[in-house]
PDB file of all heavy atoms in Angstrom:
ATOM      1  N   GLN A   1     177.020 196.767  95.194  1.00  0.00           N
ATOM      2  CA  GLN A   1     175.729 197.110  95.783  1.00  0.00           C
ATOM      3  C   GLN A   1     174.715 196.051  95.227  1.00  0.00           C
ATOM      4  O   GLN A   1     174.343 196.118  94.080  1.00  0.00           O
ATOM      5  CB  GLN A   1     175.277 198.461  95.469  1.00  0.00           C
ATOM      6  CG  GLN A   1     173.928 198.809  96.128  1.00  0.00           C
ATOM      7  CD  GLN A   1     173.505 200.206  95.798  1.00  0.00           C
ATOM      8  OE1 GLN A   1     174.327 201.139  95.790  1.00  0.00           O
ATOM      9  NE2 GLN A   1     172.239 200.483  95.615  1.00  0.00           N
ATOM     10  N   VAL A   2     174.283 195.131  96.083  1.00  0.00           N
ATOM     11  CA  VAL A   2     173.347 194.095  95.675  1.00  0.00           C
ATOM     12  C   VAL A   2     171.926 194.511  96.287  1.00  0.00           C
ATOM     13  O   VAL A   2     171.773 194.510  97.505  1.00  0.00           O
ATOM     14  CB  VAL A   2     173.741 192.775  96.240  1.00  0.00           C
ATOM     15  CG1 VAL A   2     172.680 191.684  95.780  1.00  0.00           C
ATOM     16  CG2 VAL A   2     175.069 192.435  95.699  1.00  0.00           C
ATOM     17  N   ASP A   3     171.000 194.870  95.458  1.00  0.00           N
ATOM     18  CA  ASP A   3     169.733 195.319  95.909  1.00  0.00           C
ATOM     19  C   ASP A   3     168.670 194.197  95.706  1.00  0.00           C
ATOM     20  O   ASP A   3     168.707 193.422  94.716  1.00  0.00           O
ATOM     21  CB  ASP A   3     169.280 196.490  95.003  1.00  0.00           C
ATOM     22  CG  ASP A   3     170.147 197.719  95.125  1.00  0.00           C
ATOM     23  OD1 ASP A   3     170.587 197.948  96.254  1.00  0.00           O
ATOM     24  OD2 ASP A   3     170.427 198.354  94.069  1.00  0.00           O
ATOM     25  N   TYR A   4     167.747 194.107  96.693  1.00  0.00           N
ATOM     26  CA  TYR A   4     166.664 193.104  96.677  1.00  0.00           C
ATOM     27  C   TYR A   4     165.359 193.776  96.475  1.00  0.00           C
ATOM     28  O   TYR A   4     165.231 194.970  96.730  1.00  0.00           O
ATOM     29  CB  TYR A   4     166.712 192.387  97.978  1.00  0.00           C
ATOM     30  CG  TYR A   4     167.921 191.390  98.146  1.00  0.00           C
ATOM     31  CD1 TYR A   4     169.015 191.828  98.789  1.00  0.00           C
ATOM     32  CD2 TYR A   4     167.863 190.145  97.693  1.00  0.00           C
ATOM     33  CE1 TYR A   4     170.167 191.076  98.878  1.00  0.00           C
ATOM     34  CE2 TYR A   4     169.040 189.234  97.811  1.00  0.00           C
ATOM     35  CZ  TYR A   4     170.084 189.781  98.411  1.00  0.00           C
ATOM     36  OH  TYR A   4     171.242 188.961  98.572  1.00  0.00           O
ATOM     37  N   HIS A   5     164.384 193.026  96.052  1.00  0.00           N
ATOM     38  CA  HIS A   5     163.068 193.520  95.757  1.00  0.00           C
ATOM     39  C   HIS A   5     162.393 194.176  96.965  1.00  0.00           C
ATOM     40  O   HIS A   5     161.531 195.036  96.908  1.00  0.00           O
ATOM     41  CB  HIS A   5     162.145 192.511  95.187  1.00  0.00           C
ATOM     42  CG  HIS A   5     162.576 192.126  93.691  1.00  0.00           C
ATOM     43  ND1 HIS A   5     162.430 192.957  92.683  1.00  0.00           N
ATOM     44  CD2 HIS A   5     163.034 190.916  93.223  1.00  0.00           C
ATOM     45  CE1 HIS A   5     162.866 192.296  91.626  1.00  0.00           C
ATOM     46  NE2 HIS A   5     163.237 191.116  91.940  1.00  0.00           N
ATOM     47  N   ASN A   6     162.770 193.674  98.186  1.00  0.00           N
ATOM     48  CA  ASN A   6     162.116 194.111  99.416  1.00  0.00           C
ATOM     49  C   ASN A   6     162.843 195.519  99.957  1.00  0.00           C
ATOM     50  O   ASN A   6     162.410 195.924 101.043  1.00  0.00           O
ATOM     51  CB  ASN A   6     162.196 193.142 100.492  1.00  0.00           C
ATOM     52  CG  ASN A   6     163.623 192.740 100.919  1.00  0.00           C
ATOM     53  OD1 ASN A   6     164.566 193.266 100.400  1.00  0.00           O
ATOM     54  ND2 ASN A   6     163.732 191.806 101.894  1.00  0.00           N
ATOM     55  N   GLY A   7     163.759 196.060  99.156  1.00  0.00           N
ATOM     56  CA  GLY A   7     164.303 197.325  99.531  1.00  0.00           C
ATOM     57  C   GLY A   7     165.741 197.160 100.206  1.00  0.00           C
ATOM     58  O   GLY A   7     166.358 198.158 100.539  1.00  0.00           O
ATOM     59  N   LEU A   8     166.069 195.912 100.619  1.00  0.00           N
ATOM     60  CA  LEU A   8     167.325 195.685 101.335  1.00  0.00           C
ATOM     61  C   LEU A   8     168.443 195.847 100.329  1.00  0.00           C
ATOM     62  O   LEU A   8     168.360 195.378  99.185  1.00  0.00           O
ATOM     63  CB  LEU A   8     167.286 194.281 101.852  1.00  0.00           C
ATOM     64  CG  LEU A   8     168.449 193.912 102.793  1.00  0.00           C
ATOM     65  CD1 LEU A   8     168.315 194.688 104.116  1.00  0.00           C
ATOM     66  CD2 LEU A   8     168.431 192.417 103.175  1.00  0.00           C
ATOM     67  N   SER A   9     169.564 196.429 100.777  1.00  0.00           N
ATOM     68  CA  SER A   9     170.818 196.580  99.985  1.00  0.00           C
ATOM     69  C   SER A   9     171.928 196.149 100.809  1.00  0.00           C
ATOM     70  O   SER A   9     172.076 196.540 101.947  1.00  0.00           O
ATOM     71  CB  SER A   9     170.946 198.066  99.513  1.00  0.00           C
ATOM     72  OG  SER A   9     169.885 198.435  98.630  1.00  0.00           O
ATOM     73  N   LEU A  10     172.808 195.324 100.206  1.00  0.00           N
ATOM     74  CA  LEU A  10     174.088 194.897 100.804  1.00  0.00           C
ATOM     75  C   LEU A  10     175.237 195.356 100.023  1.00  0.00           C
ATOM     76  O   LEU A  10     175.141 195.417  98.780  1.00  0.00           O
ATOM     77  CB  LEU A  10     174.166 193.347 100.991  1.00  0.00           C
ATOM     78  CG  LEU A  10     173.521 192.789 102.267  1.00  0.00           C
ATOM     79  CD1 LEU A  10     172.024 192.783 102.166  1.00  0.00           C
ATOM     80  CD2 LEU A  10     174.059 191.402 102.506  1.00  0.00           C
ATOM     81  N   TYR A  11     176.336 195.731 100.637  1.00  0.00           N
ATOM     82  CA  TYR A  11     177.566 196.132  99.969  1.00  0.00           C
ATOM     83  C   TYR A  11     178.605 195.097 100.264  1.00  0.00           C
ATOM     84  O   TYR A  11     179.021 194.806 101.400  1.00  0.00           O
ATOM     85  CB  TYR A  11     177.940 197.591 100.492  1.00  0.00           C
ATOM     86  CG  TYR A  11     176.911 198.548 100.246  1.00  0.00           C
ATOM     87  CD1 TYR A  11     175.858 198.760 101.070  1.00  0.00           C
ATOM     88  CD2 TYR A  11     176.848 199.259  98.956  1.00  0.00           C
ATOM     89  CE1 TYR A  11     174.846 199.718 100.820  1.00  0.00           C
ATOM     90  CE2 TYR A  11     175.898 200.148  98.649  1.00  0.00           C
ATOM     91  CZ  TYR A  11     174.854 200.333  99.590  1.00  0.00           C
ATOM     92  OH  TYR A  11     173.852 201.230  99.390  1.00  0.00           O
ATOM     93  N   ILE A  12     179.094 194.489  99.163  1.00  0.00           N
ATOM     94  CA  ILE A  12     179.973 193.345  99.285  1.00  0.00           C
ATOM     95  C   ILE A  12     181.369 193.626  98.688  1.00  0.00           C
ATOM     96  O   ILE A  12     181.480 194.117  97.672  1.00  0.00           O
ATOM     97  CB  ILE A  12     179.344 192.108  98.508  1.00  0.00           C
ATOM     98  CG1 ILE A  12     177.949 191.729  98.998  1.00  0.00           C
ATOM     99  CG2 ILE A  12     180.316 190.950  98.547  1.00  0.00           C
ATOM    100  CD1 ILE A  12     177.944 191.239 100.440  1.00  0.00           C
ATOM    101  N   HIS A  13     182.320 193.306  99.538  1.00  0.00           N
ATOM    102  CA  HIS A  13     183.731 193.493  99.138  1.00  0.00           C
ATOM    103  C   HIS A  13     184.239 192.070  98.861  1.00  0.00           C
ATOM    104  O   HIS A  13     184.507 191.300  99.737  1.00  0.00           O
ATOM    105  CB  HIS A  13     184.542 194.155 100.253  1.00  0.00           C
ATOM    106  CG  HIS A  13     185.886 194.498  99.894  1.00  0.00           C
ATOM    107  ND1 HIS A  13     187.060 193.959 100.512  1.00  0.00           N
ATOM    108  CD2 HIS A  13     186.408 195.439  98.981  1.00  0.00           C
ATOM    109  CE1 HIS A  13     188.111 194.402  99.959  1.00  0.00           C
ATOM    110  NE2 HIS A  13     187.757 195.295  99.045  1.00  0.00           N
ATOM    111  N   THR A  14     184.348 191.806  97.613  1.00  0.00           N
ATOM    112  CA  THR A  14     184.642 190.393  97.197  1.00  0.00           C
ATOM    113  C   THR A  14     186.068 189.886  97.547  1.00  0.00           C
ATOM    114  O   THR A  14     186.265 188.720  97.770  1.00  0.00           O
ATOM    115  CB  THR A  14     184.409 190.186  95.684  1.00  0.00           C
ATOM    116  OG1 THR A  14     185.111 191.190  94.950  1.00  0.00           O
ATOM    117  CG2 THR A  14     182.963 190.343  95.313  1.00  0.00           C
ATOM    118  N   GLU A  15     187.044 190.871  97.561  1.00  0.00           N
ATOM    119  CA  GLU A  15     188.393 190.349  97.854  1.00  0.00           C
ATOM    120  C   GLU A  15     188.438 189.758  99.223  1.00  0.00           C
ATOM    121  O   GLU A  15     189.087 188.793  99.446  1.00  0.00           O
ATOM    122  CB  GLU A  15     189.393 191.563  97.760  1.00  0.00           C
ATOM    123  CG  GLU A  15     190.796 191.227  98.015  1.00  0.00           C
ATOM    124  CD  GLU A  15     191.153 191.334  99.531  1.00  0.00           C
ATOM    125  OE1 GLU A  15     190.949 192.490 100.113  1.00  0.00           O
ATOM    126  OE2 GLU A  15     191.692 190.377 100.147  1.00  0.00           O
ATOM    127  N   SER A  16     187.835 190.450 100.260  1.00  0.00           N
ATOM    128  CA  SER A  16     187.882 189.871 101.640  1.00  0.00           C
ATOM    129  C   SER A  16     186.666 189.053 101.981  1.00  0.00           C
ATOM    130  O   SER A  16     186.533 188.637 103.116  1.00  0.00           O
ATOM    131  CB  SER A  16     187.903 191.185 102.537  1.00  0.00           C
ATOM    132  OG  SER A  16     186.768 191.985 102.352  1.00  0.00           O
ATOM    133  N   LEU A  17     185.762 188.847 100.933  1.00  0.00           N
ATOM    134  CA  LEU A  17     184.615 187.980 101.149  1.00  0.00           C
ATOM    135  C   LEU A  17     183.713 188.562 102.236  1.00  0.00           C
ATOM    136  O   LEU A  17     182.952 187.878 102.878  1.00  0.00           O
ATOM    137  CB  LEU A  17     184.936 186.530 101.444  1.00  0.00           C
ATOM    138  CG  LEU A  17     185.825 185.824 100.496  1.00  0.00           C
ATOM    139  CD1 LEU A  17     186.037 184.398 100.964  1.00  0.00           C
ATOM    140  CD2 LEU A  17     185.316 185.873  99.050  1.00  0.00           C
ATOM    141  N   SER A  18     183.712 189.990 102.435  1.00  0.00           N
ATOM    142  CA  SER A  18     183.095 190.517 103.567  1.00  0.00           C
ATOM    143  C   SER A  18     181.883 191.310 103.112  1.00  0.00           C
ATOM    144  O   SER A  18     181.786 191.869 101.994  1.00  0.00           O
ATOM    145  CB  SER A  18     184.054 191.367 104.376  1.00  0.00           C
ATOM    146  OG  SER A  18     184.506 192.478 103.588  1.00  0.00           O
ATOM    147  N   MET A  19     180.943 191.528 104.086  1.00  0.00           N
ATOM    148  CA  MET A  19     179.849 192.439 103.933  1.00  0.00           C
ATOM    149  C   MET A  19     180.326 193.760 104.453  1.00  0.00           C
ATOM    150  O   MET A  19     180.536 193.925 105.642  1.00  0.00           O
ATOM    151  CB  MET A  19     178.555 191.958 104.630  1.00  0.00           C
ATOM    152  CG  MET A  19     177.422 192.873 104.423  1.00  0.00           C
ATOM    153  SD  MET A  19     176.013 192.427 105.560  1.00  0.00           S
ATOM    154  CE  MET A  19     176.570 193.009 107.094  1.00  0.00           C
ATOM    155  N   ALA A  20     180.456 194.742 103.576  1.00  0.00           N
ATOM    156  CA  ALA A  20     180.995 196.119 104.008  1.00  0.00           C
ATOM    157  C   ALA A  20     179.881 196.938 104.656  1.00  0.00           C
ATOM    158  O   ALA A  20     180.160 197.919 105.254  1.00  0.00           O
ATOM    159  CB  ALA A  20     181.611 196.840 102.814  1.00  0.00           C
ATOM    160  N   GLY A  21     178.608 196.601 104.283  1.00  0.00           N
ATOM    161  CA  GLY A  21     177.546 197.435 104.817  1.00  0.00           C
ATOM    162  C   GLY A  21     176.219 196.817 104.434  1.00  0.00           C
ATOM    163  O   GLY A  21     176.045 195.932 103.476  1.00  0.00           O
ATOM    164  N   ILE A  22     175.151 197.139 105.228  1.00  0.00           N
ATOM    165  CA  ILE A  22     173.807 196.724 104.941  1.00  0.00           C
ATOM    166  C   ILE A  22     172.789 197.868 105.323  1.00  0.00           C
ATOM    167  O   ILE A  22     173.020 198.588 106.274  1.00  0.00           O
ATOM    168  CB  ILE A  22     173.417 195.436 105.782  1.00  0.00           C
ATOM    169  CG1 ILE A  22     172.039 195.004 105.416  1.00  0.00           C
ATOM    170  CG2 ILE A  22     173.629 195.681 107.245  1.00  0.00           C
ATOM    171  CD1 ILE A  22     171.684 193.630 106.033  1.00  0.00           C
ATOM    172  N   THR A  23     171.856 198.053 104.358  1.00  0.00           N
ATOM    173  CA  THR A  23     170.964 199.215 104.632  1.00  0.00           C
ATOM    174  C   THR A  23     169.631 198.972 103.886  1.00  0.00           C
ATOM    175  O   THR A  23     169.475 197.983 103.184  1.00  0.00           O
ATOM    176  CB  THR A  23     171.520 200.536 103.998  1.00  0.00           C
ATOM    177  OG1 THR A  23     170.811 201.620 104.454  1.00  0.00           O
ATOM    178  CG2 THR A  23     171.657 200.501 102.448  1.00  0.00           C
ATOM    179  N   ASN A  24     168.638 199.837 104.153  1.00  0.00           N
ATOM    180  CA  ASN A  24     167.473 199.876 103.452  1.00  0.00           C
ATOM    181  C   ASN A  24     166.960 201.412 103.402  1.00  0.00           C
ATOM    182  O   ASN A  24     167.667 202.234 103.904  1.00  0.00           O
ATOM    183  CB  ASN A  24     166.372 199.062 104.116  1.00  0.00           C
ATOM    184  CG  ASN A  24     166.078 199.445 105.611  1.00  0.00           C
ATOM    185  OD1 ASN A  24     166.551 200.543 106.038  1.00  0.00           O
ATOM    186  ND2 ASN A  24     165.446 198.595 106.318  1.00  0.00           N
ATOM    187  N   PRO A  25     165.977 201.733 102.690  1.00  0.00           N
ATOM    188  CA  PRO A  25     165.548 203.138 102.613  1.00  0.00           C
ATOM    189  C   PRO A  25     165.447 203.888 103.865  1.00  0.00           C
ATOM    190  O   PRO A  25     165.779 205.051 104.085  1.00  0.00           O
ATOM    191  CB  PRO A  25     164.277 203.096 101.786  1.00  0.00           C
ATOM    192  CG  PRO A  25     164.370 201.899 100.996  1.00  0.00           C
ATOM    193  CD  PRO A  25     165.075 200.891 101.828  1.00  0.00           C
ATOM    194  N   TYR A  26     164.903 203.164 104.913  1.00  0.00           N
ATOM    195  CA  TYR A  26     164.747 203.771 106.242  1.00  0.00           C
ATOM    196  C   TYR A  26     166.155 204.144 106.853  1.00  0.00           C
ATOM    197  O   TYR A  26     166.311 205.284 107.278  1.00  0.00           O
ATOM    198  CB  TYR A  26     164.058 202.845 107.150  1.00  0.00           C
ATOM    199  CG  TYR A  26     164.203 203.084 108.609  1.00  0.00           C
ATOM    200  CD1 TYR A  26     163.514 204.080 109.297  1.00  0.00           C
ATOM    201  CD2 TYR A  26     165.077 202.305 109.361  1.00  0.00           C
ATOM    202  CE1 TYR A  26     163.664 204.301 110.639  1.00  0.00           C
ATOM    203  CE2 TYR A  26     165.214 202.398 110.710  1.00  0.00           C
ATOM    204  CZ  TYR A  26     164.506 203.462 111.347  1.00  0.00           C
ATOM    205  OH  TYR A  26     164.671 203.657 112.702  1.00  0.00           O
ATOM    206  N   LYS A  27     167.039 203.236 106.867  1.00  0.00           N
ATOM    207  CA  LYS A  27     168.342 203.443 107.397  1.00  0.00           C
ATOM    208  C   LYS A  27     169.067 204.500 106.612  1.00  0.00           C
ATOM    209  O   LYS A  27     169.794 205.426 107.189  1.00  0.00           O
ATOM    210  CB  LYS A  27     169.188 202.179 107.514  1.00  0.00           C
ATOM    211  CG  LYS A  27     170.567 202.319 108.118  1.00  0.00           C
ATOM    212  CD  LYS A  27     171.293 201.056 108.141  1.00  0.00           C
ATOM    213  CE  LYS A  27     172.768 201.228 108.737  1.00  0.00           C
ATOM    214  NZ  LYS A  27     173.497 200.003 108.733  1.00  0.00           N
ATOM    215  N   THR A  28     168.958 204.533 105.346  1.00  0.00           N
ATOM    216  CA  THR A  28     169.728 205.511 104.455  1.00  0.00           C
ATOM    217  C   THR A  28     169.193 206.811 104.772  1.00  0.00           C
ATOM    218  O   THR A  28     169.973 207.878 104.825  1.00  0.00           O
ATOM    219  CB  THR A  28     169.467 205.124 102.983  1.00  0.00           C
ATOM    220  OG1 THR A  28     169.942 203.861 102.747  1.00  0.00           O
ATOM    221  CG2 THR A  28     170.134 206.141 102.017  1.00  0.00           C
ATOM    222  N   SER A  29     167.897 207.004 104.898  1.00  0.00           N
ATOM    223  CA  SER A  29     167.288 208.316 105.248  1.00  0.00           C
ATOM    224  C   SER A  29     167.823 208.901 106.633  1.00  0.00           C
ATOM    225  O   SER A  29     168.259 210.070 106.700  1.00  0.00           O
ATOM    226  CB  SER A  29     165.775 208.277 105.315  1.00  0.00           C
ATOM    227  OG  SER A  29     165.247 207.882 104.111  1.00  0.00           O
TER     228      SER A  29
END
């Protein structure tokens, strides 16, 4: 889970080099 100062969060699966998900507080709610 890579979090940025602007509230964006990305979920990275390194084996497949893929983005498994992307969210922010609004989407999470």
